[in-house]
Amino acid sequence: KYVNVDEEESENECKQLLSAMCLREEDADDEYLANYYDTNMSMLNHGGLTLVSRHFFNWGKSTMQYIRDAFTVDDIQQAPKNCFKNGKKRVLQSISIRSQLVLLCKAHPLSFTSAAIDEVYNIILPKMIHARFAVVFRHWKGLHCQKHEVAFRTKMKASVKENDGKEYKKRSAAEQPDASVFVLL
């Protein structure tokens, strides 16, 4: 197969943009940790955390706020069958989210192309949407779904043990109480 040079360059540019958006925790300076890194997260982190770089942090924060406002527990209550699709559609149709990202990418020292920005946008935004929607759904589920103490199978096993551990053997149809046996001649 022949490798398309334009596709390879576009892929490399997308990787550069994604790496420009990320920051490893060990590479963060004290100013970043003080201004952008939540103290609670630092206590939960056990190392290897990837953070949003300083240049893209406010965009990420405002985008998550927009997603948070676009999909709530009330949306699930009002339209349970289409709530995820409708919420995702509202967020993806937002022109402001995309335009803010384009401005940031064009202002970046590497000045990324529109094709790379679109590709990364189409990768990152659905992941952000799904992450937030999962949190909302978990909250809704906790409010509206019953929690069972034990599974049905566990209850079945417990009822067998209550029979003094007697083993049940398979009986033929003739041995079954009230069973009719048909004999064909």
Protein backbone atom coordinates (compact mmCIF):
# COMPACT_ATOMS: atom_id res chain seq x y z
CA LYS A 1 0.00 0.00 0.00
CA TYR A 2 1.04 3.54 -0.67
CA VAL A 3 1.07 5.96 2.24
CA ASN A 4 -0.60 9.28 1.60
CA VAL A 5 1.84 11.97 2.74
CA ASP A 6 -0.94 14.47 3.47
CA GLU A 7 -2.71 12.01 5.79
CA GLU A 8 0.54 11.30 7.62
CA GLU A 9 1.24 15.03 8.08
CA SER A 10 -2.32 15.60 9.29
CA GLU A 11 -1.99 12.74 11.77
CA ASN A 12 1.29 14.15 13.08
CA GLU A 13 -0.28 17.58 13.46
CA CYS A 14 -3.21 16.07 15.38
CA LYS A 15 -0.78 14.32 17.70
CA GLN A 16 1.09 17.60 18.22
CA LEU A 17 -2.16 19.39 19.05
CA LEU A 18 -3.22 16.68 21.48
CA SER A 19 0.17 16.75 23.19
CA ALA A 20 -0.04 20.57 23.37
CA MET A 21 -3.36 20.19 25.19
CA CYS A 22 -1.94 17.78 27.77
CA LEU A 23 0.43 18.21 30.65
CA ARG A 24 1.87 15.44 32.78
CA GLU A 25 1.65 16.09 36.50
CA GLU A 26 5.38 15.68 36.99
CA ASP A 27 5.95 18.47 34.42
CA ALA A 28 3.64 20.96 36.17
CA ASP A 29 5.28 23.86 37.95
CA ASP A 30 4.23 25.30 41.32
CA GLU A 31 2.21 28.11 39.70
CA TYR A 32 0.18 25.60 37.67
CA LEU A 33 -0.45 23.42 40.71
CA ALA A 34 -1.56 26.44 42.75
CA ASN A 35 -3.85 27.97 40.10
CA TYR A 36 -5.21 25.05 38.09
CA TYR A 37 -4.88 21.88 40.12
CA ASP A 38 -7.53 21.07 42.73
CA THR A 39 -6.17 20.10 46.15
CA ASN A 40 -8.69 17.27 46.46
CA MET A 41 -7.48 15.80 43.16
CA SER A 42 -3.88 15.95 44.34
CA MET A 43 -4.83 13.89 47.39
CA LEU A 44 -6.65 11.29 45.25
CA ASN A 45 -3.94 11.09 42.61
CA HIS A 46 -1.51 8.22 42.87
CA GLY A 47 0.76 9.39 40.06
CA GLY A 48 0.71 9.46 36.30
CA LEU A 49 -2.18 11.90 35.98
CA THR A 50 -2.51 13.81 32.71
CA LEU A 51 -3.77 17.37 33.12
CA VAL A 52 -5.05 20.02 30.72
CA SER A 53 -2.27 22.40 29.73
CA ARG A 54 -2.39 26.01 30.89
CA HIS A 55 -3.09 27.31 27.37
CA PHE A 56 -6.27 25.19 27.00
CA PHE A 57 -7.40 25.05 30.63
CA ASN A 58 -10.03 27.80 30.55
CA TRP A 59 -11.49 26.41 27.31
CA GLY A 60 -11.79 22.98 28.92
CA LYS A 61 -13.36 24.42 32.04
CA SER A 62 -15.91 26.53 30.15
CA THR A 63 -16.72 23.61 27.84
CA MET A 64 -17.38 21.32 30.80
CA GLN A 65 -19.61 24.01 32.31
CA TYR A 66 -21.55 24.23 29.06
CA ILE A 67 -21.92 20.42 28.99
CA ARG A 68 -22.98 20.42 32.64
CA ASP A 69 -25.70 22.97 31.87
CA ALA A 70 -26.81 21.16 28.70
CA PHE A 71 -27.60 17.85 30.40
CA THR A 72 -29.14 17.44 33.85
CA VAL A 73 -31.16 14.91 35.82
CA ASP A 74 -34.28 16.83 34.77
CA ASP A 75 -33.51 16.05 31.12
CA ILE A 76 -33.55 12.34 31.93
CA GLN A 77 -36.89 12.75 33.72
CA GLN A 78 -38.48 14.68 30.85
CA ALA A 79 -37.36 12.54 27.91
CA PRO A 80 -35.73 9.31 29.09
CA LYS A 81 -35.55 7.71 25.64
CA ASN A 82 -33.85 10.58 23.81
CA CYS A 83 -32.15 12.50 26.61
CA PHE A 84 -28.58 11.48 25.76
CA LYS A 85 -29.01 12.08 22.05
CA ASN A 86 -30.68 15.46 22.59
CA GLY A 87 -28.08 16.61 25.11
CA LYS A 88 -25.20 15.56 22.88
CA LYS A 89 -26.80 17.29 19.92
CA ARG A 90 -27.16 20.55 21.91
CA VAL A 91 -23.49 20.50 22.87
CA LEU A 92 -22.15 19.53 19.43
CA GLN A 93 -24.16 22.29 17.76
CA SER A 94 -22.60 24.96 19.96
CA ILE A 95 -20.63 27.32 17.75
CA SER A 96 -18.98 29.07 20.68
CA ILE A 97 -17.17 25.96 21.95
CA ARG A 98 -15.64 25.23 18.56
CA SER A 99 -14.78 28.88 17.81
CA GLN A 100 -13.03 29.28 21.17
CA LEU A 101 -10.93 26.19 20.44
CA VAL A 102 -10.06 27.44 16.94
CA LEU A 103 -8.93 30.80 18.36
CA LEU A 104 -6.77 29.09 20.96
CA CYS A 105 -5.20 26.76 18.41
CA LYS A 106 -4.48 29.59 15.97
CA ALA A 107 -2.92 31.63 18.81
CA HIS A 108 -0.72 28.71 19.85
CA PRO A 109 2.94 29.05 18.80
CA LEU A 110 2.56 26.02 16.49
CA SER A 111 -0.54 27.54 14.76
CA PHE A 112 -2.46 24.39 13.87
CA THR A 113 -4.45 23.91 10.65
CA SER A 114 -8.23 23.80 10.55
CA ALA A 115 -8.19 20.13 9.54
CA ALA A 116 -6.16 19.16 12.61
CA ILE A 117 -8.35 21.30 14.88
CA ASP A 118 -11.52 19.69 13.48
CA GLU A 119 -10.08 16.20 13.90
CA VAL A 120 -9.05 16.79 17.52
CA TYR A 121 -12.34 18.56 18.28
CA ASN A 122 -14.27 15.54 16.96
CA ILE A 123 -12.20 13.26 19.20
CA ILE A 124 -12.17 15.27 22.41
CA LEU A 125 -15.65 16.78 22.62
CA PRO A 126 -17.60 13.47 22.53
CA LYS A 127 -15.30 12.12 25.26
CA MET A 128 -16.00 15.17 27.42
CA ILE A 129 -19.73 14.78 26.77
CA HIS A 130 -19.78 11.08 27.65
CA ALA A 131 -17.73 11.64 30.81
CA ARG A 132 -20.17 14.25 32.14
CA PHE A 133 -23.31 12.42 31.00
CA ALA A 134 -22.13 9.31 32.88
CA VAL A 135 -21.87 11.32 36.10
CA VAL A 136 -25.38 12.72 35.64
CA PHE A 137 -26.81 9.29 34.81
CA ARG A 138 -25.15 7.73 37.87
CA HIS A 139 -26.71 10.45 40.02
CA TRP A 140 -30.16 9.88 38.44
CA LYS A 141 -29.82 6.13 38.90
CA GLY A 142 -28.95 6.59 42.56
CA LEU A 143 -32.06 8.71 43.06
CA HIS A 144 -34.56 6.62 41.11
CA CYS A 145 -33.43 2.99 41.00
CA GLN A 146 -33.81 0.58 43.88
CA LYS A 147 -30.76 -1.03 45.32
CA HIS A 148 -31.16 -4.71 46.11
CA GLU A 149 -29.29 -6.18 49.02
CA VAL A 150 -28.64 -9.52 47.39
CA ALA A 151 -28.91 -10.91 43.93
CA PHE A 152 -31.71 -13.31 43.02
CA ARG A 153 -29.29 -16.20 42.52
CA THR A 154 -27.86 -15.68 46.01
CA LYS A 155 -31.36 -15.92 47.48
CA MET A 156 -31.91 -19.18 45.60
CA LYS A 157 -28.68 -20.64 46.97
CA ALA A 158 -29.65 -19.56 50.48
CA SER A 159 -33.03 -21.32 50.22
CA VAL A 160 -31.31 -24.57 49.21
CA LYS A 161 -29.01 -24.34 52.22
CA GLU A 162 -32.03 -23.82 54.48
CA ASN A 163 -33.22 -27.33 53.57
CA ASP A 164 -30.61 -28.76 55.97
CA GLY A 165 -28.21 -29.29 53.11
CA LYS A 166 -30.24 -32.19 51.75
CA GLU A 167 -29.21 -33.11 48.29
CA TYR A 168 -31.87 -33.32 45.69
CA LYS A 169 -31.62 -36.15 43.24
CA LYS A 170 -33.30 -36.19 39.92
CA ARG A 171 -36.40 -38.35 39.97
CA SER A 172 -38.05 -40.01 37.04
CA ALA A 173 -41.50 -38.85 35.94
CA ALA A 174 -43.14 -41.87 37.63
CA GLU A 175 -41.61 -40.93 40.99
CA GLN A 176 -42.86 -37.33 40.83
CA PRO A 177 -45.92 -36.66 42.99
CA ASP A 178 -49.12 -36.11 40.98
CA ALA A 179 -47.28 -36.88 37.77
CA SER A 180 -49.08 -38.63 34.98
CA VAL A 181 -47.19 -41.25 33.10
CA PHE A 182 -48.26 -42.11 29.64
CA VAL A 183 -47.37 -45.45 28.26
CA LEU A 184 -47.59 -45.99 24.57
CA LEU A 185 -48.29 -49.51 23.32
